[in-house]
Protein backbone atom coordinates (compact mmCIF):
# COMPACT_ATOMS: atom_id res chain seq x y z
CA MET A 1 163.04 165.06 120.09
CA ALA A 2 165.87 167.53 120.76
CA ASN A 3 169.41 166.48 119.99
CA THR A 4 171.99 168.19 122.18
CA HIS A 5 175.75 167.82 122.46
CA VAL A 6 176.81 167.13 126.02
CA GLU A 7 179.73 169.56 125.69
CA GLN A 8 177.27 172.39 124.82
CA VAL A 9 175.08 171.67 127.87
CA ARG A 10 178.04 171.60 130.27
CA GLY A 11 179.70 174.67 128.66
CA VAL A 12 182.76 172.71 127.52
CA GLY A 13 184.12 173.44 124.05
CA GLU A 14 184.19 170.75 121.38
CA PRO A 15 187.23 168.55 121.63
CA ALA A 16 189.76 168.18 118.80
CA ARG A 17 188.35 166.14 115.94
CA GLN A 18 189.68 162.77 117.08
CA TYR A 19 186.33 161.03 117.23
CA MET A 20 184.46 159.33 114.51
CA TRP A 21 181.63 157.90 116.65
CA GLU A 22 178.79 159.77 118.15
CA ILE A 23 176.83 157.91 120.81
CA LEU A 24 173.21 159.14 121.22
CA ILE A 25 171.90 158.42 124.73
CA PRO A 26 168.63 159.70 126.32
CA GLY A 27 169.09 162.63 128.69
CA SER A 28 168.35 160.55 131.84
CA LEU A 29 170.19 157.27 132.43
CA PRO A 30 168.71 154.80 134.85
CA GLY A 31 169.97 155.33 138.34
CA GLY A 32 170.33 159.08 138.02
CA GLY A 33 173.17 159.03 135.53
CA GLY A 34 173.26 161.22 132.47
CA ALA A 35 172.84 164.94 131.90
CA GLY A 36 169.29 165.03 133.25
CA GLY A 37 167.70 166.55 130.14
CA GLY A 38 164.43 164.68 130.54
CA ASP A 39 162.82 161.99 128.41
CA ASN A 40 162.60 163.99 125.20
CA THR A 41 166.27 165.02 124.99
CA MET A 42 169.01 162.93 123.36
CA PHE A 43 172.62 163.72 124.33
CA THR A 44 175.48 163.18 121.94
CA TYR A 45 178.55 161.68 123.63
CA ARG A 46 181.79 161.63 121.67
CA ALA A 47 183.64 158.35 121.45
CA MET A 48 187.25 157.94 120.46
CA SER A 49 186.77 154.29 119.67
CA THR A 50 184.21 151.52 119.94
CA THR A 51 183.63 148.00 118.69
CA VAL A 52 180.77 147.19 116.37
CA PRO A 53 179.11 144.23 118.02
CA ASP A 54 179.70 140.83 116.44
CA LYS A 55 177.19 138.35 115.02
CA VAL A 56 177.89 134.64 115.67
CA LEU A 57 175.65 131.81 114.62
CA GLU A 58 176.17 128.51 116.31
CA ALA A 59 176.35 125.61 113.76
CA TYR A 60 173.97 122.73 114.18
CA GLU A 61 175.03 119.41 112.73
CA HIS A 62 172.60 116.66 111.74
CA ASN A 63 173.69 113.19 110.68
CA PHE A 64 171.35 111.30 108.41
CA LYS A 65 172.35 108.00 106.66
CA SER A 66 176.11 108.71 106.66
CA THR A 67 175.57 112.27 105.40
CA LYS A 68 176.49 115.15 107.63
CA THR A 69 174.39 118.25 107.16
CA ARG A 70 175.02 121.57 108.87
CA PHE A 71 172.43 124.24 109.62
CA ALA A 72 172.63 127.70 111.15
CA GLY A 73 171.64 127.40 114.82
CA ARG A 74 171.02 129.85 117.59
CA ASP A 75 172.59 133.30 117.95
CA ALA A 76 175.74 132.84 120.01
CA SER A 77 176.95 136.46 119.91
CA ALA A 78 178.63 137.85 122.97
CA LYS A 79 176.17 140.80 123.06
CA THR A 80 178.77 143.18 124.55
CA PHE A 81 180.78 146.04 123.14
CA ASP A 82 183.37 148.48 124.36
CA VAL A 83 183.23 152.26 124.04
CA THR A 84 186.04 154.75 124.82
CA PHE A 85 184.38 158.05 125.68
CA PHE A 86 186.09 161.47 125.83
CA ASP A 87 185.49 163.08 129.23
CA SER A 88 186.22 166.48 130.74
CA THR A 89 187.94 167.33 133.97
CA ASP A 90 184.60 167.18 135.85
CA LEU A 91 184.48 163.45 134.93
CA PHE A 92 180.81 163.77 133.96
CA ILE A 93 180.69 160.63 131.80
CA TYR A 94 182.63 158.53 134.31
CA LYS A 95 180.32 159.57 137.13
CA SER A 96 177.25 158.92 134.97
CA MET A 97 178.38 155.39 134.04
CA TRP A 98 179.43 154.71 137.64
CA ASN A 99 176.00 155.75 138.99
CA TRP A 100 174.23 153.67 136.32
CA SER A 101 176.40 150.62 137.21
CA ASN A 102 175.58 150.95 140.94
CA TYR A 103 171.88 151.25 140.17
CA CYS A 104 172.05 147.92 138.23
CA ILE A 105 173.04 146.04 141.36
CA SER A 106 169.79 146.59 143.25
CA ALA A 107 167.20 147.33 140.50
CA LYS A 108 165.07 145.03 138.36
CA LYS A 109 166.32 144.40 134.83
CA SER A 110 163.42 146.35 133.35
CA GLU A 111 164.41 149.36 135.47
CA TYR A 112 168.13 149.55 134.81
CA GLN A 113 168.20 148.82 131.07
CA LEU A 114 168.30 151.72 128.68
CA GLY A 115 165.54 151.28 126.07
CA SER A 116 167.87 152.05 123.14
CA MET A 117 171.16 153.65 122.37
CA THR A 118 172.35 154.69 118.90
CA MET A 119 175.95 154.75 117.62
CA GLU A 120 176.64 156.74 114.45
CA LEU A 121 179.81 156.30 112.44
CA GLN A 122 180.81 159.44 110.56
CA ASP A 123 183.52 160.16 107.99
CA ARG A 124 185.83 163.21 108.20
CA ALA A 125 183.22 165.32 106.39
CA ASP A 126 180.57 164.45 109.05
CA ALA A 127 178.62 162.29 106.63
CA LYS A 128 176.85 159.38 108.35
CA ILE A 129 178.32 156.07 107.19
CA MET A 130 176.58 153.56 109.46
CA THR A 131 174.06 153.61 112.36
CA VAL A 132 173.95 150.84 115.00
CA LYS A 133 170.88 150.87 117.24
CA LEU A 134 171.34 148.86 120.40
CA ILE A 135 168.25 147.75 122.34
CA GLN A 136 168.05 147.13 126.10
CA VAL A 137 171.50 148.39 127.01
CA TRP A 138 173.22 148.35 130.43
CA PRO A 139 176.82 148.82 131.62
CA GLU A 140 178.71 145.66 132.38
CA ASN A 141 182.10 147.15 133.20
CA VAL A 142 183.43 150.64 133.87
CA GLN A 143 187.19 150.27 133.57
CA PRO A 144 189.61 151.99 135.99
CA LEU A 145 190.21 155.61 135.12
CA THR A 146 193.85 156.53 134.51
CA LEU A 147 194.64 160.14 135.22
CA ASP A 148 198.09 161.27 134.23
CA TYR A 149 198.71 165.03 134.27
CA SER A 150 202.27 164.71 132.93
CA VAL A 151 200.86 164.24 129.43
CA ASN A 152 198.35 166.45 127.67
CA ASP A 153 196.04 163.69 126.44
CA PRO A 154 192.24 163.77 126.79
CA ILE A 155 190.62 161.86 129.65
CA ASN A 156 189.22 158.57 128.28
CA VAL A 157 186.53 156.50 129.99
CA VAL A 158 186.31 152.87 128.78
CA VAL A 159 182.94 151.19 129.37
CA THR A 160 181.78 147.66 128.39
CA LEU A 161 178.09 147.71 127.63
CA SER A 162 175.73 144.71 127.20
CA TYR A 163 172.63 144.68 125.04
CA ASP A 164 169.79 142.33 124.09
CA ASP A 165 169.38 143.14 120.43
CA MET A 166 170.73 145.37 117.70
CA GLU A 167 169.81 146.86 114.30
CA ILE A 168 172.25 148.13 111.67
CA SER A 169 171.39 150.57 108.95
């Protein structure tokens, strides 16, 4: 499976080293979003910030003969996370996430979910510290895009994604 940086495909230079997360997403997002690299291509999106999803276990209490016992119950995690992507002036990532979100409205769940998405945390020497693999991912919220040309900051696209399961290594 090929691994390609989105900036290289679009001809945009690498942004300043402000990111520590690399988000690996298949070349074609459901609904026509993504770089269109086909099923065998993984694109690397640069994220300025993200949240590592939480893990919450609901407590189950059982009373037996005046003794209260607590057990770990079902998974009560929110199963969402936010990602702040760097984008270029062509708004490629924003348009991709927007198209994917629109597709979710009319498609079946099995059609709009992304099979898996991988987030890799790297240190300043590009050594991989942690990998989070999210399974059955779909966009829940694409936040409004603020464009301000009076400052020289990068364009940031904030997306809230939902998932069904995750693996950490």
